[in-house]
Amino acid sequence: RQLSYLGAKIDYDLNRVTRGKEVLLSTPDATVKVAV
């Protein structure tokens, strides 16, 4: 949320259920990829 000005957008529902797994959290329209 603090870095949204850079283009970081995540799927908040996916984020909330992701723990200790490799996953791409960024939304399709994000200009910055966000991964775990």
PDB file of all heavy atoms in Angstrom:
ATOM      1  N   ARG A   1       0.848  -1.209   0.000  1.00  0.00           N
ATOM      2  CA  ARG A   1       0.000   0.000   0.000  1.00  0.00           C
ATOM      3  C   ARG A   1       0.883   1.259   0.000  1.00  0.00           C
ATOM      4  O   ARG A   1       0.591   2.234  -0.693  1.00  0.00           O
ATOM      5  CB  ARG A   1      -0.930   0.023   1.198  1.00  0.00           C
ATOM      6  CG  ARG A   1      -2.105  -0.916   1.083  1.00  0.00           C
ATOM      7  CD  ARG A   1      -3.112  -0.674   2.211  1.00  0.00           C
ATOM      8  NE  ARG A   1      -4.075  -1.749   2.312  1.00  0.00           N
ATOM      9  CZ  ARG A   1      -5.140  -1.890   1.534  1.00  0.00           C
ATOM     10  NH1 ARG A   1      -5.371  -1.026   0.573  1.00  0.00           N
ATOM     11  NH2 ARG A   1      -5.976  -2.905   1.715  1.00  0.00           N
ATOM     12  N   GLN A   2       1.958   1.234   0.763  1.00  0.00           N
ATOM     13  CA  GLN A   2       2.868   2.380   0.831  1.00  0.00           C
ATOM     14  C   GLN A   2       3.624   2.581  -0.484  1.00  0.00           C
ATOM     15  O   GLN A   2       4.060   3.697  -0.793  1.00  0.00           O
ATOM     16  CB  GLN A   2       3.869   2.215   1.983  1.00  0.00           C
ATOM     17  CG  GLN A   2       3.227   2.130   3.357  1.00  0.00           C
ATOM     18  CD  GLN A   2       2.359   3.327   3.681  1.00  0.00           C
ATOM     19  OE1 GLN A   2       2.770   4.459   3.527  1.00  0.00           O
ATOM     20  NE2 GLN A   2       1.136   3.058   4.112  1.00  0.00           N
ATOM     21  N   LEU A   3       3.804   1.503  -1.253  1.00  0.00           N
ATOM     22  CA  LEU A   3       4.556   1.585  -2.505  1.00  0.00           C
ATOM     23  C   LEU A   3       3.662   1.588  -3.740  1.00  0.00           C
ATOM     24  O   LEU A   3       4.146   1.425  -4.864  1.00  0.00           O
ATOM     25  CB  LEU A   3       5.562   0.426  -2.586  1.00  0.00           C
ATOM     26  CG  LEU A   3       6.639   0.430  -1.501  1.00  0.00           C
ATOM     27  CD1 LEU A   3       7.541  -0.778  -1.638  1.00  0.00           C
ATOM     28  CD2 LEU A   3       7.445   1.720  -1.536  1.00  0.00           C
ATOM     29  N   SER A   4       2.384   1.816  -3.543  1.00  0.00           N
ATOM     30  CA  SER A   4       1.460   1.825  -4.682  1.00  0.00           C
ATOM     31  C   SER A   4       1.810   2.918  -5.691  1.00  0.00           C
ATOM     32  O   SER A   4       1.551   2.764  -6.885  1.00  0.00           O
ATOM     33  CB  SER A   4       0.022   1.975  -4.200  1.00  0.00           C
ATOM     34  OG  SER A   4      -0.162   3.219  -3.560  1.00  0.00           O
ATOM     35  N   TYR A   5       2.409   4.002  -5.239  1.00  0.00           N
ATOM     36  CA  TYR A   5       2.797   5.079  -6.154  1.00  0.00           C
ATOM     37  C   TYR A   5       3.840   4.608  -7.175  1.00  0.00           C
ATOM     38  O   TYR A   5       3.987   5.200  -8.242  1.00  0.00           O
ATOM     39  CB  TYR A   5       3.327   6.298  -5.387  1.00  0.00           C
ATOM     40  CG  TYR A   5       4.687   6.113  -4.767  1.00  0.00           C
ATOM     41  CD1 TYR A   5       5.835   6.518  -5.441  1.00  0.00           C
ATOM     42  CD2 TYR A   5       4.825   5.513  -3.516  1.00  0.00           C
ATOM     43  CE1 TYR A   5       7.092   6.343  -4.871  1.00  0.00           C
ATOM     44  CE2 TYR A   5       6.062   5.338  -2.952  1.00  0.00           C
ATOM     45  CZ  TYR A   5       7.191   5.748  -3.629  1.00  0.00           C
ATOM     46  OH  TYR A   5       8.419   5.559  -3.064  1.00  0.00           O
ATOM     47  N   LEU A   6       4.533   3.505  -6.861  1.00  0.00           N
ATOM     48  CA  LEU A   6       5.498   2.934  -7.810  1.00  0.00           C
ATOM     49  C   LEU A   6       4.829   2.034  -8.841  1.00  0.00           C
ATOM     50  O   LEU A   6       5.458   1.643  -9.820  1.00  0.00           O
ATOM     51  CB  LEU A   6       6.554   2.110  -7.063  1.00  0.00           C
ATOM     52  CG  LEU A   6       7.537   2.867  -6.188  1.00  0.00           C
ATOM     53  CD1 LEU A   6       8.380   1.893  -5.377  1.00  0.00           C
ATOM     54  CD2 LEU A   6       8.431   3.755  -7.044  1.00  0.00           C
ATOM     55  N   GLY A   7       3.584   1.667  -8.578  1.00  0.00           N
ATOM     56  CA  GLY A   7       2.872   0.750  -9.470  1.00  0.00           C
ATOM     57  C   GLY A   7       2.697  -0.636  -8.882  1.00  0.00           C
ATOM     58  O   GLY A   7       2.303  -1.564  -9.582  1.00  0.00           O
ATOM     59  N   ALA A   8       2.994  -0.784  -7.590  1.00  0.00           N
ATOM     60  CA  ALA A   8       2.823  -2.072  -6.915  1.00  0.00           C
ATOM     61  C   ALA A   8       1.359  -2.235  -6.526  1.00  0.00           C
ATOM     62  O   ALA A   8       0.819  -1.437  -5.771  1.00  0.00           O
ATOM     63  CB  ALA A   8       3.699  -2.151  -5.673  1.00  0.00           C
ATOM     64  N   LYS A   9       0.727  -3.233  -7.102  1.00  0.00           N
ATOM     65  CA  LYS A   9      -0.663  -3.555  -6.767  1.00  0.00           C
ATOM     66  C   LYS A   9      -0.720  -5.061  -6.537  1.00  0.00           C
ATOM     67  O   LYS A   9      -0.211  -5.835  -7.354  1.00  0.00           O
ATOM     68  CB  LYS A   9      -1.610  -3.196  -7.911  1.00  0.00           C
ATOM     69  CG  LYS A   9      -1.681  -1.736  -8.232  1.00  0.00           C
ATOM     70  CD  LYS A   9      -2.644  -1.513  -9.385  1.00  0.00           C
ATOM     71  CE  LYS A   9      -2.643  -0.066  -9.827  1.00  0.00           C
ATOM     72  NZ  LYS A   9      -3.547   0.145 -10.961  1.00  0.00           N
ATOM     73  N   ILE A  10      -1.330  -5.467  -5.421  1.00  0.00           N
ATOM     74  CA  ILE A  10      -1.412  -6.897  -5.138  1.00  0.00           C
ATOM     75  C   ILE A  10      -2.862  -7.349  -5.001  1.00  0.00           C
ATOM     76  O   ILE A  10      -3.752  -6.554  -4.723  1.00  0.00           O
ATOM     77  CB  ILE A  10      -0.621  -7.301  -3.880  1.00  0.00           C
ATOM     78  CG1 ILE A  10      -1.202  -6.658  -2.618  1.00  0.00           C
ATOM     79  CG2 ILE A  10       0.862  -6.998  -4.041  1.00  0.00           C
ATOM     80  CD1 ILE A  10      -0.630  -7.189  -1.318  1.00  0.00           C
ATOM     81  N   ASP A  11      -3.043  -8.629  -5.189  1.00  0.00           N
ATOM     82  CA  ASP A  11      -4.331  -9.274  -4.952  1.00  0.00           C
ATOM     83  C   ASP A  11      -4.407  -9.508  -3.444  1.00  0.00           C
ATOM     84  O   ASP A  11      -3.755 -10.396  -2.908  1.00  0.00           O
ATOM     85  CB  ASP A  11      -4.374 -10.593  -5.720  1.00  0.00           C
ATOM     86  CG  ASP A  11      -5.666 -11.357  -5.528  1.00  0.00           C
ATOM     87  OD1 ASP A  11      -6.279 -11.261  -4.444  1.00  0.00           O
ATOM     88  OD2 ASP A  11      -6.031 -12.089  -6.464  1.00  0.00           O
ATOM     89  N   TYR A  12      -5.185  -8.698  -2.746  1.00  0.00           N
ATOM     90  CA  TYR A  12      -5.229  -8.750  -1.288  1.00  0.00           C
ATOM     91  C   TYR A  12      -5.826 -10.055  -0.767  1.00  0.00           C
ATOM     92  O   TYR A  12      -5.397 -10.560   0.267  1.00  0.00           O
ATOM     93  CB  TYR A  12      -5.966  -7.532  -0.722  1.00  0.00           C
ATOM     94  CG  TYR A  12      -5.187  -6.258  -0.953  1.00  0.00           C
ATOM     95  CD1 TYR A  12      -5.563  -5.366  -1.941  1.00  0.00           C
ATOM     96  CD2 TYR A  12      -4.060  -5.976  -0.197  1.00  0.00           C
ATOM     97  CE1 TYR A  12      -4.830  -4.212  -2.164  1.00  0.00           C
ATOM     98  CE2 TYR A  12      -3.324  -4.824  -0.415  1.00  0.00           C
ATOM     99  CZ  TYR A  12      -3.712  -3.944  -1.403  1.00  0.00           C
ATOM    100  OH  TYR A  12      -2.983  -2.805  -1.627  1.00  0.00           O
ATOM    101  N   ASP A  13      -6.780 -10.609  -1.483  1.00  0.00           N
ATOM    102  CA  ASP A  13      -7.347 -11.897  -1.063  1.00  0.00           C
ATOM    103  C   ASP A  13      -6.299 -13.006  -1.164  1.00  0.00           C
ATOM    104  O   ASP A  13      -6.160 -13.828  -0.257  1.00  0.00           O
ATOM    105  CB  ASP A  13      -8.574 -12.255  -1.903  1.00  0.00           C
ATOM    106  CG  ASP A  13      -9.741 -11.312  -1.655  1.00  0.00           C
ATOM    107  OD1 ASP A  13      -9.851 -10.779  -0.522  1.00  0.00           O
ATOM    108  OD2 ASP A  13     -10.542 -11.098  -2.584  1.00  0.00           O
ATOM    109  N   LEU A  14      -5.554 -13.031  -2.263  1.00  0.00           N
ATOM    110  CA  LEU A  14      -4.493 -14.026  -2.428  1.00  0.00           C
ATOM    111  C   LEU A  14      -3.408 -13.822  -1.378  1.00  0.00           C
ATOM    112  O   LEU A  14      -2.904 -14.776  -0.791  1.00  0.00           O
ATOM    113  CB  LEU A  14      -3.898 -13.939  -3.835  1.00  0.00           C
ATOM    114  CG  LEU A  14      -2.750 -14.888  -4.155  1.00  0.00           C
ATOM    115  CD1 LEU A  14      -3.182 -16.351  -3.989  1.00  0.00           C
ATOM    116  CD2 LEU A  14      -2.244 -14.629  -5.572  1.00  0.00           C
ATOM    117  N   ASN A  15      -3.056 -12.570  -1.124  1.00  0.00           N
ATOM    118  CA  ASN A  15      -2.037 -12.276  -0.119  1.00  0.00           C
ATOM    119  C   ASN A  15      -2.421 -12.842   1.242  1.00  0.00           C
ATOM    120  O   ASN A  15      -1.602 -13.429   1.926  1.00  0.00           O
ATOM    121  CB  ASN A  15      -1.807 -10.767  -0.006  1.00  0.00           C
ATOM    122  CG  ASN A  15      -0.788 -10.413   1.042  1.00  0.00           C
ATOM    123  OD1 ASN A  15       0.340 -10.883   1.032  1.00  0.00           O
ATOM    124  ND2 ASN A  15      -1.204  -9.604   1.998  1.00  0.00           N
ATOM    125  N   ARG A  16      -3.674 -12.675   1.619  1.00  0.00           N
ATOM    126  CA  ARG A  16      -4.123 -13.092   2.958  1.00  0.00           C
ATOM    127  C   ARG A  16      -4.075 -14.598   3.176  1.00  0.00           C
ATOM    128  O   ARG A  16      -4.039 -15.052   4.315  1.00  0.00           O
ATOM    129  CB  ARG A  16      -5.520 -12.554   3.223  1.00  0.00           C
ATOM    130  CG  ARG A  16      -5.517 -11.051   3.432  1.00  0.00           C
ATOM    131  CD  ARG A  16      -6.884 -10.491   3.783  1.00  0.00           C
ATOM    132  NE  ARG A  16      -6.821  -9.035   3.788  1.00  0.00           N
ATOM    133  CZ  ARG A  16      -7.469  -8.258   2.927  1.00  0.00           C
ATOM    134  NH1 ARG A  16      -8.259  -8.784   2.020  1.00  0.00           N
ATOM    135  NH2 ARG A  16      -7.348  -6.949   2.994  1.00  0.00           N
ATOM    136  N   VAL A  17      -4.071 -15.391   2.113  1.00  0.00           N
ATOM    137  CA  VAL A  17      -4.033 -16.855   2.263  1.00  0.00           C
ATOM    138  C   VAL A  17      -2.673 -17.442   1.889  1.00  0.00           C
ATOM    139  O   VAL A  17      -2.510 -18.660   1.880  1.00  0.00           O
ATOM    140  CB  VAL A  17      -5.152 -17.543   1.441  1.00  0.00           C
ATOM    141  CG1 VAL A  17      -6.511 -17.097   1.939  1.00  0.00           C
ATOM    142  CG2 VAL A  17      -4.983 -17.281  -0.049  1.00  0.00           C
ATOM    143  N   THR A  18      -1.713 -16.584   1.576  1.00  0.00           N
ATOM    144  CA  THR A  18      -0.394 -17.057   1.148  1.00  0.00           C
ATOM    145  C   THR A  18       0.609 -16.938   2.281  1.00  0.00           C
ATOM    146  O   THR A  18       0.938 -15.839   2.715  1.00  0.00           O
ATOM    147  CB  THR A  18       0.106 -16.257  -0.073  1.00  0.00           C
ATOM    148  OG1 THR A  18      -0.825 -16.423  -1.144  1.00  0.00           O
ATOM    149  CG2 THR A  18       1.478 -16.717  -0.500  1.00  0.00           C
ATOM    150  N   ARG A  19       1.080 -18.087   2.740  1.00  0.00           N
ATOM    151  CA  ARG A  19       2.123 -18.136   3.776  1.00  0.00           C
ATOM    152  C   ARG A  19       3.121 -19.218   3.403  1.00  0.00           C
ATOM    153  O   ARG A  19       2.747 -20.377   3.257  1.00  0.00           O
ATOM    154  CB  ARG A  19       1.510 -18.441   5.137  1.00  0.00           C
ATOM    155  CG  ARG A  19       0.752 -17.279   5.720  1.00  0.00           C
ATOM    156  CD  ARG A  19       0.184 -17.592   7.102  1.00  0.00           C
ATOM    157  NE  ARG A  19      -0.506 -16.443   7.655  1.00  0.00           N
ATOM    158  CZ  ARG A  19      -1.758 -16.106   7.337  1.00  0.00           C
ATOM    159  NH1 ARG A  19      -2.448 -16.830   6.496  1.00  0.00           N
ATOM    160  NH2 ARG A  19      -2.315 -15.046   7.891  1.00  0.00           N
ATOM    161  N   GLY A  20       4.373 -18.826   3.236  1.00  0.00           N
ATOM    162  CA  GLY A  20       5.430 -19.799   2.991  1.00  0.00           C
ATOM    163  C   GLY A  20       5.362 -20.498   1.650  1.00  0.00           C
ATOM    164  O   GLY A  20       5.966 -21.547   1.475  1.00  0.00           O
ATOM    165  N   LYS A  21       4.650 -19.920   0.677  1.00  0.00           N
ATOM    166  CA  LYS A  21       4.557 -20.500  -0.657  1.00  0.00           C
ATOM    167  C   LYS A  21       5.058 -19.503  -1.689  1.00  0.00           C
ATOM    168  O   LYS A  21       4.892 -18.298  -1.523  1.00  0.00           O
ATOM    169  CB  LYS A  21       3.112 -20.859  -1.003  1.00  0.00           C
ATOM    170  CG  LYS A  21       2.497 -21.936  -0.142  1.00  0.00           C
ATOM    171  CD  LYS A  21       1.098 -22.283  -0.613  1.00  0.00           C
ATOM    172  CE  LYS A  21       0.155 -21.139  -0.356  1.00  0.00           C
ATOM    173  NZ  LYS A  21      -1.244 -21.428  -0.636  1.00  0.00           N
ATOM    174  N   GLU A  22       5.641 -20.022  -2.764  1.00  0.00           N
ATOM    175  CA  GLU A  22       6.058 -19.155  -3.855  1.00  0.00           C
ATOM    176  C   GLU A  22       4.833 -18.747  -4.655  1.00  0.00           C
ATOM    177  O   GLU A  22       4.068 -19.603  -5.118  1.00  0.00           O
ATOM    178  CB  GLU A  22       7.053 -19.884  -4.758  1.00  0.00           C
ATOM    179  CG  GLU A  22       7.618 -19.016  -5.849  1.00  0.00           C
ATOM    180  CD  GLU A  22       8.737 -19.685  -6.593  1.00  0.00           C
ATOM    181  OE1 GLU A  22       9.548 -20.375  -5.966  1.00  0.00           O
ATOM    182  OE2 GLU A  22       8.787 -19.507  -7.818  1.00  0.00           O
ATOM    183  N   VAL A  23       4.643 -17.445  -4.791  1.00  0.00           N
ATOM    184  CA  VAL A  23       3.456 -16.954  -5.499  1.00  0.00           C
ATOM    185  C   VAL A  23       3.700 -15.542  -6.027  1.00  0.00           C
ATOM    186  O   VAL A  23       4.470 -14.774  -5.444  1.00  0.00           O
ATOM    187  CB  VAL A  23       2.216 -16.989  -4.567  1.00  0.00           C
ATOM    188  CG1 VAL A  23       2.348 -15.989  -3.444  1.00  0.00           C
ATOM    189  CG2 VAL A  23       0.936 -16.762  -5.337  1.00  0.00           C
ATOM    190  N   LEU A  24       3.063 -15.244  -7.138  1.00  0.00           N
ATOM    191  CA  LEU A  24       3.075 -13.891  -7.689  1.00  0.00           C
ATOM    192  C   LEU A  24       1.820 -13.193  -7.177  1.00  0.00           C
ATOM    193  O   LEU A  24       0.699 -13.605  -7.492  1.00  0.00           O
ATOM    194  CB  LEU A  24       3.084 -13.936  -9.220  1.00  0.00           C
ATOM    195  CG  LEU A  24       3.197 -12.606  -9.936  1.00  0.00           C
ATOM    196  CD1 LEU A  24       4.539 -11.931  -9.625  1.00  0.00           C
ATOM    197  CD2 LEU A  24       3.040 -12.808 -11.430  1.00  0.00           C
ATOM    198  N   LEU A  25       1.993 -12.174  -6.354  1.00  0.00           N
ATOM    199  CA  LEU A  25       0.876 -11.467  -5.735  1.00  0.00           C
ATOM    200  C   LEU A  25       0.364 -10.289  -6.554  1.00  0.00           C
ATOM    201  O   LEU A  25      -0.746  -9.824  -6.331  1.00  0.00           O
ATOM    202  CB  LEU A  25       1.279 -10.934  -4.354  1.00  0.00           C
ATOM    203  CG  LEU A  25       1.551 -11.939  -3.259  1.00  0.00           C
ATOM    204  CD1 LEU A  25       2.030 -11.215  -2.000  1.00  0.00           C
ATOM    205  CD2 LEU A  25       0.323 -12.763  -2.960  1.00  0.00           C
ATOM    206  N   SER A  26       1.162  -9.798  -7.486  1.00  0.00           N
ATOM    207  CA  SER A  26       0.774  -8.593  -8.217  1.00  0.00           C
ATOM    208  C   SER A  26      -0.429  -8.860  -9.114  1.00  0.00           C
ATOM    209  O   SER A  26      -0.626  -9.968  -9.618  1.00  0.00           O
ATOM    210  CB  SER A  26       1.945  -8.041  -9.022  1.00  0.00           C
ATOM    211  OG  SER A  26       2.602  -9.049  -9.738  1.00  0.00           O
ATOM    212  N   THR A  27      -1.213  -7.821  -9.290  1.00  0.00           N
ATOM    213  CA  THR A  27      -2.381  -7.903 -10.163  1.00  0.00           C
ATOM    214  C   THR A  27      -1.934  -7.739 -11.618  1.00  0.00           C
ATOM    215  O   THR A  27      -0.846  -7.209 -11.883  1.00  0.00           O
ATOM    216  CB  THR A  27      -3.398  -6.809  -9.800  1.00  0.00           C
ATOM    217  OG1 THR A  27      -2.780  -5.533  -9.959  1.00  0.00           O
ATOM    218  CG2 THR A  27      -3.916  -6.989  -8.389  1.00  0.00           C
ATOM    219  N   PRO A  28      -2.769  -8.159 -12.564  1.00  0.00           N
ATOM    220  CA  PRO A  28      -2.385  -8.046 -13.981  1.00  0.00           C
ATOM    221  C   PRO A  28      -2.089  -6.620 -14.434  1.00  0.00           C
ATOM    222  O   PRO A  28      -1.261  -6.413 -15.327  1.00  0.00           O
ATOM    223  CB  PRO A  28      -3.601  -8.615 -14.720  1.00  0.00           C
ATOM    224  CG  PRO A  28      -4.243  -9.535 -13.747  1.00  0.00           C
ATOM    225  CD  PRO A  28      -4.025  -8.895 -12.394  1.00  0.00           C
ATOM    226  N   ASP A  29      -2.716  -5.634 -13.810  1.00  0.00           N
ATOM    227  CA  ASP A  29      -2.501  -4.251 -14.232  1.00  0.00           C
ATOM    228  C   ASP A  29      -1.368  -3.552 -13.472  1.00  0.00           C
ATOM    229  O   ASP A  29      -1.084  -2.383 -13.720  1.00  0.00           O
ATOM    230  CB  ASP A  29      -3.793  -3.439 -14.101  1.00  0.00           C
ATOM    231  CG  ASP A  29      -4.295  -3.349 -12.665  1.00  0.00           C
ATOM    232  OD1 ASP A  29      -4.062  -4.296 -11.885  1.00  0.00           O
ATOM    233  OD2 ASP A  29      -4.936  -2.338 -12.333  1.00  0.00           O
ATOM    234  N   ALA A  30      -0.695  -4.257 -12.585  1.00  0.00           N
ATOM    235  CA  ALA A  30       0.421  -3.669 -11.831  1.00  0.00           C
ATOM    236  C   ALA A  30       1.616  -3.451 -12.749  1.00  0.00           C
ATOM    237  O   ALA A  30       1.893  -4.267 -13.623  1.00  0.00           O
ATOM    238  CB  ALA A  30       0.814  -4.585 -10.674  1.00  0.00           C
ATOM    239  N   THR A  31       2.304  -2.349 -12.543  1.00  0.00           N
ATOM    240  CA  THR A  31       3.519  -2.095 -13.331  1.00  0.00           C
ATOM    241  C   THR A  31       4.767  -2.606 -12.611  1.00  0.00           C
ATOM    242  O   THR A  31       5.845  -2.622 -13.190  1.00  0.00           O
ATOM    243  CB  THR A  31       3.677  -0.595 -13.633  1.00  0.00           C
ATOM    244  OG1 THR A  31       3.669   0.142 -12.409  1.00  0.00           O
ATOM    245  CG2 THR A  31       2.538  -0.110 -14.517  1.00  0.00           C
ATOM    246  N   VAL A  32       4.612  -3.012 -11.358  1.00  0.00           N
ATOM    247  CA  VAL A  32       5.692  -3.597 -10.567  1.00  0.00           C
ATOM    248  C   VAL A  32       5.243  -4.992 -10.135  1.00  0.00           C
ATOM    249  O   VAL A  32       4.162  -5.144  -9.570  1.00  0.00           O
ATOM    250  CB  VAL A  32       6.012  -2.741  -9.318  1.00  0.00           C
ATOM    251  CG1 VAL A  32       6.994  -3.438  -8.407  1.00  0.00           C
ATOM    252  CG2 VAL A  32       6.538  -1.381  -9.731  1.00  0.00           C
ATOM    253  N   LYS A  33       6.034  -6.001 -10.447  1.00  0.00           N
ATOM    254  CA  LYS A  33       5.724  -7.364 -10.021  1.00  0.00           C
ATOM    255  C   LYS A  33       5.996  -7.481  -8.525  1.00  0.00           C
ATOM    256  O   LYS A  33       6.993  -6.967  -8.019  1.00  0.00           O
ATOM    257  CB  LYS A  33       6.578  -8.392 -10.763  1.00  0.00           C
ATOM    258  CG  LYS A  33       6.382  -8.393 -12.257  1.00  0.00           C
ATOM    259  CD  LYS A  33       5.002  -8.887 -12.610  1.00  0.00           C
ATOM    260  CE  LYS A  33       4.841  -8.970 -14.121  1.00  0.00           C
ATOM    261  NZ  LYS A  33       3.483  -9.088 -14.543  1.00  0.00           N
ATOM    262  N   VAL A  34       5.103  -8.176  -7.818  1.00  0.00           N
ATOM    263  CA  VAL A  34       5.262  -8.425  -6.390  1.00  0.00           C
ATOM    264  C   VAL A  34       5.169  -9.932  -6.181  1.00  0.00           C
ATOM    265  O   VAL A  34       4.182 -10.553  -6.578  1.00  0.00           O
ATOM    266  CB  VAL A  34       4.189  -7.695  -5.552  1.00  0.00           C
ATOM    267  CG1 VAL A  34       4.391  -7.989  -4.066  1.00  0.00           C
ATOM    268  CG2 VAL A  34       4.227  -6.193  -5.813  1.00  0.00           C
ATOM    269  N   ALA A  35       6.197 -10.511  -5.567  1.00  0.00           N
ATOM    270  CA  ALA A  35       6.251 -11.958  -5.393  1.00  0.00           C
ATOM    271  C   ALA A  35       6.673 -12.335  -3.984  1.00  0.00           C
ATOM    272  O   ALA A  35       7.318 -11.563  -3.282  1.00  0.00           O
ATOM    273  CB  ALA A  35       7.225 -12.568  -6.393  1.00  0.00           C
ATOM    274  N   VAL A  36       6.289 -13.543  -3.606  1.00  0.00           N
ATOM    275  CA  VAL A  36       6.768 -14.172  -2.378  1.00  0.00           C
ATOM    276  C   VAL A  36       7.627 -15.351  -2.819  1.00  0.00           C
ATOM    277  O   VAL A  36       7.178 -16.173  -3.629  1.00  0.00           O
ATOM    278  CB  VAL A  36       5.608 -14.680  -1.496  1.00  0.00           C
ATOM    279  CG1 VAL A  36       6.145 -15.417  -0.280  1.00  0.00           C
ATOM    280  CG2 VAL A  36       4.706 -13.532  -1.083  1.00  0.00           C
TER     281      VAL A  36
END
